[in-house]
Amino acid sequence: DRLPDHSMIQIFSFLPTNQLCRCARVCRRWYNLAWD
């Protein structure tokens, strides 16, 4: 959670779509980042 948004987005870019969907249900911040 200490990682900046751009680093999180870089990590998310390697995830398949179904994993992005799951990440979006973790917390509000991840929800917003997953739909970048």
PDB file of all heavy atoms in Angstrom:
ATOM      1  N   ASP A   1       0.817  -1.213   0.000  1.00  0.00           N
ATOM      2  CA  ASP A   1       0.000   0.000   0.000  1.00  0.00           C
ATOM      3  C   ASP A   1       0.851   1.263   0.000  1.00  0.00           C
ATOM      4  O   ASP A   1       0.339   2.357  -0.257  1.00  0.00           O
ATOM      5  CB  ASP A   1      -0.919   0.014   1.221  1.00  0.00           C
ATOM      6  CG  ASP A   1      -2.068  -0.987   1.071  1.00  0.00           C
ATOM      7  OD1 ASP A   1      -2.383  -1.310  -0.089  1.00  0.00           O
ATOM      8  OD2 ASP A   1      -2.616  -1.431   2.088  1.00  0.00           O
ATOM      9  N   ARG A   2       2.133   1.114   0.282  1.00  0.00           N
ATOM     10  CA  ARG A   2       3.010   2.282   0.285  1.00  0.00           C
ATOM     11  C   ARG A   2       3.497   2.640  -1.122  1.00  0.00           C
ATOM     12  O   ARG A   2       4.069   3.705  -1.323  1.00  0.00           O
ATOM     13  CB  ARG A   2       4.216   2.019   1.186  1.00  0.00           C
ATOM     14  CG  ARG A   2       3.850   1.756   2.643  1.00  0.00           C
ATOM     15  CD  ARG A   2       5.096   1.518   3.471  1.00  0.00           C
ATOM     16  NE  ARG A   2       4.760   1.193   4.853  1.00  0.00           N
ATOM     17  CZ  ARG A   2       5.653   0.904   5.805  1.00  0.00           C
ATOM     18  NH1 ARG A   2       6.955   0.931   5.479  1.00  0.00           N
ATOM     19  NH2 ARG A   2       5.268   0.615   7.018  1.00  0.00           N
ATOM     20  N   LEU A   3       3.276   1.751  -2.049  1.00  0.00           N
ATOM     21  CA  LEU A   3       3.712   2.009  -3.428  1.00  0.00           C
ATOM     22  C   LEU A   3       2.877   3.127  -4.033  1.00  0.00           C
ATOM     23  O   LEU A   3       1.657   3.197  -3.825  1.00  0.00           O
ATOM     24  CB  LEU A   3       3.581   0.755  -4.280  1.00  0.00           C
ATOM     25  CG  LEU A   3       4.519  -0.403  -3.952  1.00  0.00           C
ATOM     26  CD1 LEU A   3       4.183  -1.612  -4.818  1.00  0.00           C
ATOM     27  CD2 LEU A   3       5.974  -0.001  -4.173  1.00  0.00           C
ATOM     28  N   PRO A   4       3.489   3.978  -4.832  1.00  0.00           N
ATOM     29  CA  PRO A   4       2.721   5.042  -5.505  1.00  0.00           C
ATOM     30  C   PRO A   4       1.808   4.453  -6.570  1.00  0.00           C
ATOM     31  O   PRO A   4       1.981   3.309  -7.020  1.00  0.00           O
ATOM     32  CB  PRO A   4       3.807   5.924  -6.115  1.00  0.00           C
ATOM     33  CG  PRO A   4       4.995   5.031  -6.265  1.00  0.00           C
ATOM     34  CD  PRO A   4       4.937   4.061  -5.113  1.00  0.00           C
ATOM     35  N   ASP A   5       0.858   5.242  -7.017  1.00  0.00           N
ATOM     36  CA  ASP A   5      -0.139   4.761  -7.976  1.00  0.00           C
ATOM     37  C   ASP A   5       0.491   4.267  -9.267  1.00  0.00           C
ATOM     38  O   ASP A   5       0.084   3.234  -9.816  1.00  0.00           O
ATOM     39  CB  ASP A   5      -1.140   5.878  -8.290  1.00  0.00           C
ATOM     40  CG  ASP A   5      -2.082   6.139  -7.131  1.00  0.00           C
ATOM     41  OD1 ASP A   5      -2.055   5.355  -6.158  1.00  0.00           O
ATOM     42  OD2 ASP A   5      -2.843   7.120  -7.205  1.00  0.00           O
ATOM     43  N   HIS A   6       1.484   4.969  -9.771  1.00  0.00           N
ATOM     44  CA  HIS A   6       2.059   4.568 -11.058  1.00  0.00           C
ATOM     45  C   HIS A   6       2.749   3.205 -10.957  1.00  0.00           C
ATOM     46  O   HIS A   6       2.763   2.424 -11.910  1.00  0.00           O
ATOM     47  CB  HIS A   6       3.035   5.644 -11.567  1.00  0.00           C
ATOM     48  CG  HIS A   6       4.261   5.814 -10.729  1.00  0.00           C
ATOM     49  ND1 HIS A   6       5.393   5.041 -10.876  1.00  0.00           N
ATOM     50  CD2 HIS A   6       4.531   6.697  -9.731  1.00  0.00           C
ATOM     51  CE1 HIS A   6       6.313   5.428 -10.000  1.00  0.00           C
ATOM     52  NE2 HIS A   6       5.817   6.432  -9.292  1.00  0.00           N
ATOM     53  N   SER A   7       3.321   2.892  -9.779  1.00  0.00           N
ATOM     54  CA  SER A   7       3.942   1.578  -9.590  1.00  0.00           C
ATOM     55  C   SER A   7       2.874   0.488  -9.512  1.00  0.00           C
ATOM     56  O   SER A   7       3.048  -0.618 -10.051  1.00  0.00           O
ATOM     57  CB  SER A   7       4.797   1.567  -8.329  1.00  0.00           C
ATOM     58  OG  SER A   7       5.864   2.487  -8.434  1.00  0.00           O
ATOM     59  N   MET A   8       1.783   0.769  -8.842  1.00  0.00           N
ATOM     60  CA  MET A   8       0.686  -0.197  -8.755  1.00  0.00           C
ATOM     61  C   MET A   8       0.101  -0.479 -10.134  1.00  0.00           C
ATOM     62  O   MET A   8      -0.184  -1.627 -10.477  1.00  0.00           O
ATOM     63  CB  MET A   8      -0.399   0.348  -7.825  1.00  0.00           C
ATOM     64  CG  MET A   8       0.019   0.442  -6.365  1.00  0.00           C
ATOM     65  SD  MET A   8       0.217  -1.184  -5.612  1.00  0.00           S
ATOM     66  CE  MET A   8      -1.467  -1.780  -5.659  1.00  0.00           C
ATOM     67  N   ILE A   9      -0.057   0.554 -10.911  1.00  0.00           N
ATOM     68  CA  ILE A   9      -0.593   0.370 -12.264  1.00  0.00           C
ATOM     69  C   ILE A   9       0.353  -0.475 -13.102  1.00  0.00           C
ATOM     70  O   ILE A   9      -0.071  -1.325 -13.887  1.00  0.00           O
ATOM     71  CB  ILE A   9      -0.857   1.739 -12.922  1.00  0.00           C
ATOM     72  CG1 ILE A   9      -2.024   2.432 -12.225  1.00  0.00           C
ATOM     73  CG2 ILE A   9      -1.143   1.575 -14.411  1.00  0.00           C
ATOM     74  CD1 ILE A   9      -2.270   3.844 -12.700  1.00  0.00           C
ATOM     75  N   GLN A  10       1.644  -0.254 -12.914  1.00  0.00           N
ATOM     76  CA  GLN A  10       2.625  -1.068 -13.634  1.00  0.00           C
ATOM     77  C   GLN A  10       2.501  -2.537 -13.237  1.00  0.00           C
ATOM     78  O   GLN A  10       2.583  -3.435 -14.083  1.00  0.00           O
ATOM     79  CB  GLN A  10       4.041  -0.554 -13.336  1.00  0.00           C
ATOM     80  CG  GLN A  10       5.149  -1.296 -14.063  1.00  0.00           C
ATOM     81  CD  GLN A  10       5.108  -1.098 -15.558  1.00  0.00           C
ATOM     82  OE1 GLN A  10       4.548  -0.105 -16.030  1.00  0.00           O
ATOM     83  NE2 GLN A  10       5.658  -2.043 -16.309  1.00  0.00           N
ATOM     84  N   ILE A  11       2.286  -2.814 -11.970  1.00  0.00           N
ATOM     85  CA  ILE A  11       2.096  -4.190 -11.512  1.00  0.00           C
ATOM     86  C   ILE A  11       0.813  -4.763 -12.097  1.00  0.00           C
ATOM     87  O   ILE A  11       0.780  -5.891 -12.599  1.00  0.00           O
ATOM     88  CB  ILE A  11       2.065  -4.241  -9.975  1.00  0.00           C
ATOM     89  CG1 ILE A  11       3.432  -3.851  -9.410  1.00  0.00           C
ATOM     90  CG2 ILE A  11       1.663  -5.629  -9.490  1.00  0.00           C
ATOM     91  CD1 ILE A  11       3.459  -3.701  -7.902  1.00  0.00           C
ATOM     92  N   PHE A  12      -0.262  -4.000 -12.049  1.00  0.00           N
ATOM     93  CA  PHE A  12      -1.543  -4.465 -12.573  1.00  0.00           C
ATOM     94  C   PHE A  12      -1.490  -4.757 -14.073  1.00  0.00           C
ATOM     95  O   PHE A  12      -2.258  -5.561 -14.582  1.00  0.00           O
ATOM     96  CB  PHE A  12      -2.636  -3.423 -12.300  1.00  0.00           C
ATOM     97  CG  PHE A  12      -3.107  -3.385 -10.867  1.00  0.00           C
ATOM     98  CD1 PHE A  12      -3.965  -2.390 -10.432  1.00  0.00           C
ATOM     99  CD2 PHE A  12      -2.687  -4.343  -9.958  1.00  0.00           C
ATOM    100  CE1 PHE A  12      -4.408  -2.357  -9.116  1.00  0.00           C
ATOM    101  CE2 PHE A  12      -3.123  -4.317  -8.641  1.00  0.00           C
ATOM    102  CZ  PHE A  12      -3.976  -3.323  -8.222  1.00  0.00           C
ATOM    103  N   SER A  13      -0.593  -4.078 -14.778  1.00  0.00           N
ATOM    104  CA  SER A  13      -0.525  -4.255 -16.236  1.00  0.00           C
ATOM    105  C   SER A  13      -0.128  -5.676 -16.626  1.00  0.00           C
ATOM    106  O   SER A  13      -0.345  -6.083 -17.767  1.00  0.00           O
ATOM    107  CB  SER A  13       0.465  -3.255 -16.839  1.00  0.00           C
ATOM    108  OG  SER A  13       1.796  -3.562 -16.457  1.00  0.00           O
ATOM    109  N   PHE A  14       0.443  -6.432 -15.690  1.00  0.00           N
ATOM    110  CA  PHE A  14       0.846  -7.806 -15.989  1.00  0.00           C
ATOM    111  C   PHE A  14      -0.244  -8.817 -15.637  1.00  0.00           C
ATOM    112  O   PHE A  14      -0.065 -10.020 -15.863  1.00  0.00           O
ATOM    113  CB  PHE A  14       2.128  -8.161 -15.221  1.00  0.00           C
ATOM    114  CG  PHE A  14       3.328  -7.376 -15.648  1.00  0.00           C
ATOM    115  CD1 PHE A  14       3.741  -6.254 -14.944  1.00  0.00           C
ATOM    116  CD2 PHE A  14       4.047  -7.735 -16.780  1.00  0.00           C
ATOM    117  CE1 PHE A  14       4.847  -5.515 -15.339  1.00  0.00           C
ATOM    118  CE2 PHE A  14       5.150  -7.012 -17.193  1.00  0.00           C
ATOM    119  CZ  PHE A  14       5.559  -5.895 -16.474  1.00  0.00           C
ATOM    120  N   LEU A  15      -1.349  -8.347 -15.089  1.00  0.00           N
ATOM    121  CA  LEU A  15      -2.405  -9.259 -14.652  1.00  0.00           C
ATOM    122  C   LEU A  15      -3.408  -9.525 -15.769  1.00  0.00           C
ATOM    123  O   LEU A  15      -3.738  -8.624 -16.545  1.00  0.00           O
ATOM    124  CB  LEU A  15      -3.146  -8.659 -13.454  1.00  0.00           C
ATOM    125  CG  LEU A  15      -2.327  -8.437 -12.177  1.00  0.00           C
ATOM    126  CD1 LEU A  15      -3.211  -7.819 -11.107  1.00  0.00           C
ATOM    127  CD2 LEU A  15      -1.722  -9.740 -11.679  1.00  0.00           C
ATOM    128  N   PRO A  16      -3.922 -10.757 -15.840  1.00  0.00           N
ATOM    129  CA  PRO A  16      -5.021 -11.039 -16.777  1.00  0.00           C
ATOM    130  C   PRO A  16      -6.296 -10.354 -16.305  1.00  0.00           C
ATOM    131  O   PRO A  16      -6.407  -9.907 -15.153  1.00  0.00           O
ATOM    132  CB  PRO A  16      -5.137 -12.565 -16.726  1.00  0.00           C
ATOM    133  CG  PRO A  16      -4.559 -12.950 -15.410  1.00  0.00           C
ATOM    134  CD  PRO A  16      -3.494 -11.950 -15.102  1.00  0.00           C
ATOM    135  N   THR A  17      -7.256 -10.270 -17.190  1.00  0.00           N
ATOM    136  CA  THR A  17      -8.471  -9.508 -16.903  1.00  0.00           C
ATOM    137  C   THR A  17      -9.198 -10.012 -15.665  1.00  0.00           C
ATOM    138  O   THR A  17      -9.673  -9.226 -14.851  1.00  0.00           O
ATOM    139  CB  THR A  17      -9.411  -9.565 -18.116  1.00  0.00           C
ATOM    140  OG1 THR A  17      -8.743  -8.991 -19.232  1.00  0.00           O
ATOM    141  CG2 THR A  17     -10.683  -8.788 -17.850  1.00  0.00           C
ATOM    142  N   ASN A  18      -9.300 -11.338 -15.508  1.00  0.00           N
ATOM    143  CA  ASN A  18     -10.041 -11.854 -14.354  1.00  0.00           C
ATOM    144  C   ASN A  18      -9.362 -11.455 -13.042  1.00  0.00           C
ATOM    145  O   ASN A  18     -10.020 -11.172 -12.041  1.00  0.00           O
ATOM    146  CB  ASN A  18     -10.186 -13.362 -14.444  1.00  0.00           C
ATOM    147  CG  ASN A  18      -8.852 -14.079 -14.407  1.00  0.00           C
ATOM    148  OD1 ASN A  18      -7.946 -13.746 -15.154  1.00  0.00           O
ATOM    149  ND2 ASN A  18      -8.731 -15.056 -13.525  1.00  0.00           N
ATOM    150  N   GLN A  19      -8.012 -11.383 -13.028  1.00  0.00           N
ATOM    151  CA  GLN A  19      -7.313 -10.965 -11.821  1.00  0.00           C
ATOM    152  C   GLN A  19      -7.505  -9.473 -11.554  1.00  0.00           C
ATOM    153  O   GLN A  19      -7.584  -9.045 -10.395  1.00  0.00           O
ATOM    154  CB  GLN A  19      -5.820 -11.289 -11.953  1.00  0.00           C
ATOM    155  CG  GLN A  19      -5.510 -12.776 -12.040  1.00  0.00           C
ATOM    156  CD  GLN A  19      -5.888 -13.510 -10.762  1.00  0.00           C
ATOM    157  OE1 GLN A  19      -5.986 -12.906  -9.706  1.00  0.00           O
ATOM    158  NE2 GLN A  19      -6.105 -14.810 -10.868  1.00  0.00           N
ATOM    159  N   LEU A  20      -7.589  -8.695 -12.629  1.00  0.00           N
ATOM    160  CA  LEU A  20      -7.904  -7.278 -12.457  1.00  0.00           C
ATOM    161  C   LEU A  20      -9.266  -7.108 -11.804  1.00  0.00           C
ATOM    162  O   LEU A  20      -9.464  -6.248 -10.937  1.00  0.00           O
ATOM    163  CB  LEU A  20      -7.881  -6.565 -13.801  1.00  0.00           C
ATOM    164  CG  LEU A  20      -6.549  -5.993 -14.278  1.00  0.00           C
ATOM    165  CD1 LEU A  20      -6.725  -5.336 -15.632  1.00  0.00           C
ATOM    166  CD2 LEU A  20      -5.993  -5.003 -13.276  1.00  0.00           C
ATOM    167  N   CYS A  21     -10.212  -7.942 -12.219  1.00  0.00           N
ATOM    168  CA  CYS A  21     -11.553  -7.876 -11.636  1.00  0.00           C
ATOM    169  C   CYS A  21     -11.505  -8.181 -10.145  1.00  0.00           C
ATOM    170  O   CYS A  21     -12.198  -7.540  -9.343  1.00  0.00           O
ATOM    171  CB  CYS A  21     -12.473  -8.876 -12.340  1.00  0.00           C
ATOM    172  SG  CYS A  21     -12.769  -8.501 -14.079  1.00  0.00           S
ATOM    173  N   ARG A  22     -10.694  -9.149  -9.765  1.00  0.00           N
ATOM    174  CA  ARG A  22     -10.583  -9.496  -8.347  1.00  0.00           C
ATOM    175  C   ARG A  22      -9.878  -8.396  -7.560  1.00  0.00           C
ATOM    176  O   ARG A  22     -10.263  -8.085  -6.427  1.00  0.00           O
ATOM    177  CB  ARG A  22      -9.827 -10.822  -8.210  1.00  0.00           C
ATOM    178  CG  ARG A  22     -10.631 -12.005  -8.740  1.00  0.00           C
ATOM    179  CD  ARG A  22      -9.797 -13.265  -8.758  1.00  0.00           C
ATOM    180  NE  ARG A  22     -10.577 -14.391  -9.285  1.00  0.00           N
ATOM    181  CZ  ARG A  22     -10.065 -15.593  -9.541  1.00  0.00           C
ATOM    182  NH1 ARG A  22      -8.776 -15.807  -9.330  1.00  0.00           N
ATOM    183  NH2 ARG A  22     -10.830 -16.551 -10.014  1.00  0.00           N
ATOM    184  N   CYS A  23      -8.839  -7.823  -8.159  1.00  0.00           N
ATOM    185  CA  CYS A  23      -8.125  -6.739  -7.468  1.00  0.00           C
ATOM    186  C   CYS A  23      -9.041  -5.550  -7.211  1.00  0.00           C
ATOM    187  O   CYS A  23      -8.912  -4.852  -6.199  1.00  0.00           O
ATOM    188  CB  CYS A  23      -6.920  -6.306  -8.293  1.00  0.00           C
ATOM    189  SG  CYS A  23      -5.554  -7.490  -8.292  1.00  0.00           S
ATOM    190  N   ALA A  24      -9.963  -5.310  -8.130  1.00  0.00           N
ATOM    191  CA  ALA A  24     -10.866  -4.166  -7.985  1.00  0.00           C
ATOM    192  C   ALA A  24     -11.801  -4.328  -6.786  1.00  0.00           C
ATOM    193  O   ALA A  24     -12.417  -3.350  -6.350  1.00  0.00           O
ATOM    194  CB  ALA A  24     -11.672  -3.978  -9.257  1.00  0.00           C
ATOM    195  N   ARG A  25     -11.893  -5.531  -6.213  1.00  0.00           N
ATOM    196  CA  ARG A  25     -12.794  -5.767  -5.085  1.00  0.00           C
ATOM    197  C   ARG A  25     -12.049  -5.752  -3.757  1.00  0.00           C
ATOM    198  O   ARG A  25     -12.625  -6.072  -2.718  1.00  0.00           O
ATOM    199  CB  ARG A  25     -13.506  -7.114  -5.282  1.00  0.00           C
ATOM    200  CG  ARG A  25     -14.288  -7.187  -6.590  1.00  0.00           C
ATOM    201  CD  ARG A  25     -14.987  -8.513  -6.738  1.00  0.00           C
ATOM    202  NE  ARG A  25     -16.074  -8.652  -5.798  1.00  0.00           N
ATOM    203  CZ  ARG A  25     -16.792  -9.769  -5.656  1.00  0.00           C
ATOM    204  NH1 ARG A  25     -16.511 -10.823  -6.392  1.00  0.00           N
ATOM    205  NH2 ARG A  25     -17.764  -9.825  -4.770  1.00  0.00           N
ATOM    206  N   VAL A  26     -10.772  -5.387  -3.781  1.00  0.00           N
ATOM    207  CA  VAL A  26      -9.977  -5.385  -2.555  1.00  0.00           C
ATOM    208  C   VAL A  26     -10.268  -4.157  -1.702  1.00  0.00           C
ATOM    209  O   VAL A  26     -10.571  -4.253  -0.518  1.00  0.00           O
ATOM    210  CB  VAL A  26      -8.469  -5.477  -2.885  1.00  0.00           C
ATOM    211  CG1 VAL A  26      -7.633  -5.246  -1.638  1.00  0.00           C
ATOM    212  CG2 VAL A  26      -8.154  -6.829  -3.507  1.00  0.00           C
ATOM    213  N   CYS A  27     -10.159  -2.985  -2.306  1.00  0.00           N
ATOM    214  CA  CYS A  27     -10.396  -1.747  -1.575  1.00  0.00           C
ATOM    215  C   CYS A  27     -10.709  -0.638  -2.572  1.00  0.00           C
ATOM    216  O   CYS A  27     -10.595  -0.829  -3.780  1.00  0.00           O
ATOM    217  CB  CYS A  27      -9.194  -1.369  -0.708  1.00  0.00           C
ATOM    218  SG  CYS A  27      -7.702  -1.022  -1.662  1.00  0.00           S
ATOM    219  N   ARG A  28     -11.080   0.515  -2.062  1.00  0.00           N
ATOM    220  CA  ARG A  28     -11.486   1.606  -2.942  1.00  0.00           C
ATOM    221  C   ARG A  28     -10.322   2.054  -3.829  1.00  0.00           C
ATOM    222  O   ARG A  28     -10.503   2.328  -5.017  1.00  0.00           O
ATOM    223  CB  ARG A  28     -12.000   2.786  -2.121  1.00  0.00           C
ATOM    224  CG  ARG A  28     -12.470   3.978  -2.961  1.00  0.00           C
ATOM    225  CD  ARG A  28     -13.019   5.075  -2.079  1.00  0.00           C
ATOM    226  NE  ARG A  28     -14.220   4.659  -1.388  1.00  0.00           N
ATOM    227  CZ  ARG A  28     -15.452   4.701  -1.918  1.00  0.00           C
ATOM    228  NH1 ARG A  28     -15.606   5.132  -3.160  1.00  0.00           N
ATOM    229  NH2 ARG A  28     -16.494   4.325  -1.219  1.00  0.00           N
ATOM    230  N   ARG A  29      -9.128   2.127  -3.242  1.00  0.00           N
ATOM    231  CA  ARG A  29      -7.976   2.560  -4.033  1.00  0.00           C
ATOM    232  C   ARG A  29      -7.700   1.597  -5.171  1.00  0.00           C
ATOM    233  O   ARG A  29      -7.490   2.002  -6.308  1.00  0.00           O
ATOM    234  CB  ARG A  29      -6.739   2.683  -3.144  1.00  0.00           C
ATOM    235  CG  ARG A  29      -5.505   3.172  -3.908  1.00  0.00           C
ATOM    236  CD  ARG A  29      -4.241   2.962  -3.125  1.00  0.00           C
ATOM    237  NE  ARG A  29      -3.078   3.415  -3.884  1.00  0.00           N
ATOM    238  CZ  ARG A  29      -1.848   2.961  -3.698  1.00  0.00           C
ATOM    239  NH1 ARG A  29      -1.611   2.049  -2.770  1.00  0.00           N
ATOM    240  NH2 ARG A  29      -0.851   3.422  -4.431  1.00  0.00           N
ATOM    241  N   TRP A  30      -7.715   0.295  -4.864  1.00  0.00           N
ATOM    242  CA  TRP A  30      -7.456  -0.698  -5.910  1.00  0.00           C
ATOM    243  C   TRP A  30      -8.560  -0.695  -6.957  1.00  0.00           C
ATOM    244  O   TRP A  30      -8.313  -0.960  -8.134  1.00  0.00           O
ATOM    245  CB  TRP A  30      -7.315  -2.085  -5.274  1.00  0.00           C
ATOM    246  CG  TRP A  30      -5.981  -2.310  -4.623  1.00  0.00           C
ATOM    247  CD1 TRP A  30      -5.195  -1.374  -4.020  1.00  0.00           C
ATOM    248  CD2 TRP A  30      -5.282  -3.553  -4.517  1.00  0.00           C
ATOM    249  NE1 TRP A  30      -4.057  -1.934  -3.536  1.00  0.00           N
ATOM    250  CE2 TRP A  30      -4.075  -3.283  -3.826  1.00  0.00           C
ATOM    251  CE3 TRP A  30      -5.555  -4.853  -4.907  1.00  0.00           C
ATOM    252  CZ2 TRP A  30      -3.147  -4.273  -3.533  1.00  0.00           C
ATOM    253  CZ3 TRP A  30      -4.638  -5.861  -4.620  1.00  0.00           C
ATOM    254  CH2 TRP A  30      -3.441  -5.570  -3.942  1.00  0.00           C
ATOM    255  N   TYR A  31      -9.780  -0.427  -6.525  1.00  0.00           N
ATOM    256  CA  TYR A  31     -10.891  -0.344  -7.477  1.00  0.00           C
ATOM    257  C   TYR A  31     -10.622   0.743  -8.516  1.00  0.00           C
ATOM    258  O   TYR A  31     -10.772   0.541  -9.717  1.00  0.00           O
ATOM    259  CB  TYR A  31     -12.194  -0.043  -6.724  1.00  0.00           C
ATOM    260  CG  TYR A  31     -13.414   0.100  -7.612  1.00  0.00           C
ATOM    261  CD1 TYR A  31     -14.197  -0.990  -7.932  1.00  0.00           C
ATOM    262  CD2 TYR A  31     -13.778   1.354  -8.113  1.00  0.00           C
ATOM    263  CE1 TYR A  31     -15.313  -0.850  -8.746  1.00  0.00           C
ATOM    264  CE2 TYR A  31     -14.886   1.504  -8.923  1.00  0.00           C
ATOM    265  CZ  TYR A  31     -15.652   0.391  -9.237  1.00  0.00           C
ATOM    266  OH  TYR A  31     -16.748   0.533 -10.042  1.00  0.00           O
ATOM    267  N   ASN A  32     -10.197   1.910  -8.041  1.00  0.00           N
ATOM    268  CA  ASN A  32      -9.923   3.022  -8.955  1.00  0.00           C
ATOM    269  C   ASN A  32      -8.723   2.731  -9.858  1.00  0.00           C
ATOM    270  O   ASN A  32      -8.727   3.069 -11.047  1.00  0.00           O
ATOM    271  CB  ASN A  32      -9.691   4.306  -8.158  1.00  0.00           C
ATOM    272  CG  ASN A  32     -10.936   4.770  -7.421  1.00  0.00           C
ATOM    273  OD1 ASN A  32     -12.056   4.561  -7.899  1.00  0.00           O
ATOM    274  ND2 ASN A  32     -10.749   5.394  -6.258  1.00  0.00           N
ATOM    275  N   LEU A  33      -7.696   2.094  -9.277  1.00  0.00           N
ATOM    276  CA  LEU A  33      -6.506   1.783 -10.069  1.00  0.00           C
ATOM    277  C   LEU A  33      -6.793   0.703 -11.112  1.00  0.00           C
ATOM    278  O   LEU A  33      -6.280   0.755 -12.237  1.00  0.00           O
ATOM    279  CB  LEU A  33      -5.370   1.331  -9.150  1.00  0.00           C
ATOM    280  CG  LEU A  33      -4.773   2.388  -8.222  1.00  0.00           C
ATOM    281  CD1 LEU A  33      -3.722   1.765  -7.308  1.00  0.00           C
ATOM    282  CD2 LEU A  33      -4.162   3.525  -9.038  1.00  0.00           C
ATOM    283  N   ALA A  34      -7.607  -0.277 -10.743  1.00  0.00           N
ATOM    284  CA  ALA A  34      -7.894  -1.383 -11.668  1.00  0.00           C
ATOM    285  C   ALA A  34      -8.638  -0.923 -12.908  1.00  0.00           C
ATOM    286  O   ALA A  34      -8.570  -1.570 -13.959  1.00  0.00           O
ATOM    287  CB  ALA A  34      -8.689  -2.472 -10.955  1.00  0.00           C
ATOM    288  N   TRP A  35      -9.355   0.205 -12.792  1.00  0.00           N
ATOM    289  CA  TRP A  35     -10.089   0.721 -13.947  1.00  0.00           C
ATOM    290  C   TRP A  35      -9.362   1.877 -14.612  1.00  0.00           C
ATOM    291  O   TRP A  35      -9.963   2.628 -15.382  1.00  0.00           O
ATOM    292  CB  TRP A  35     -11.496   1.151 -13.526  1.00  0.00           C
ATOM    293  CG  TRP A  35     -12.420  -0.013 -13.347  1.00  0.00           C
ATOM    294  CD1 TRP A  35     -12.919  -0.501 -12.187  1.00  0.00           C
ATOM    295  CD2 TRP A  35     -12.917  -0.859 -14.382  1.00  0.00           C
ATOM    296  NE1 TRP A  35     -13.705  -1.604 -12.428  1.00  0.00           N
ATOM    297  CE2 TRP A  35     -13.726  -1.841 -13.762  1.00  0.00           C
ATOM    298  CE3 TRP A  35     -12.762  -0.894 -15.765  1.00  0.00           C
ATOM    299  CZ2 TRP A  35     -14.372  -2.837 -14.473  1.00  0.00           C
ATOM    300  CZ3 TRP A  35     -13.410  -1.894 -16.486  1.00  0.00           C
ATOM    301  CH2 TRP A  35     -14.203  -2.844 -15.839  1.00  0.00           C
ATOM    302  N   ASP A  36      -8.079   1.985 -14.347  1.00  0.00           N
ATOM    303  CA  ASP A  36      -7.300   3.003 -15.040  1.00  0.00           C
ATOM    304  C   ASP A  36      -7.321   2.718 -16.540  1.00  0.00           C
ATOM    305  O   ASP A  36      -7.096   1.579 -16.960  1.00  0.00           O
ATOM    306  CB  ASP A  36      -5.857   2.983 -14.532  1.00  0.00           C
ATOM    307  CG  ASP A  36      -5.040   4.140 -15.082  1.00  0.00           C
ATOM    308  OD1 ASP A  36      -4.632   4.047 -16.266  1.00  0.00           O
ATOM    309  OD2 ASP A  36      -4.817   5.115 -14.347  1.00  0.00           O
TER     310      ASP A  36
END
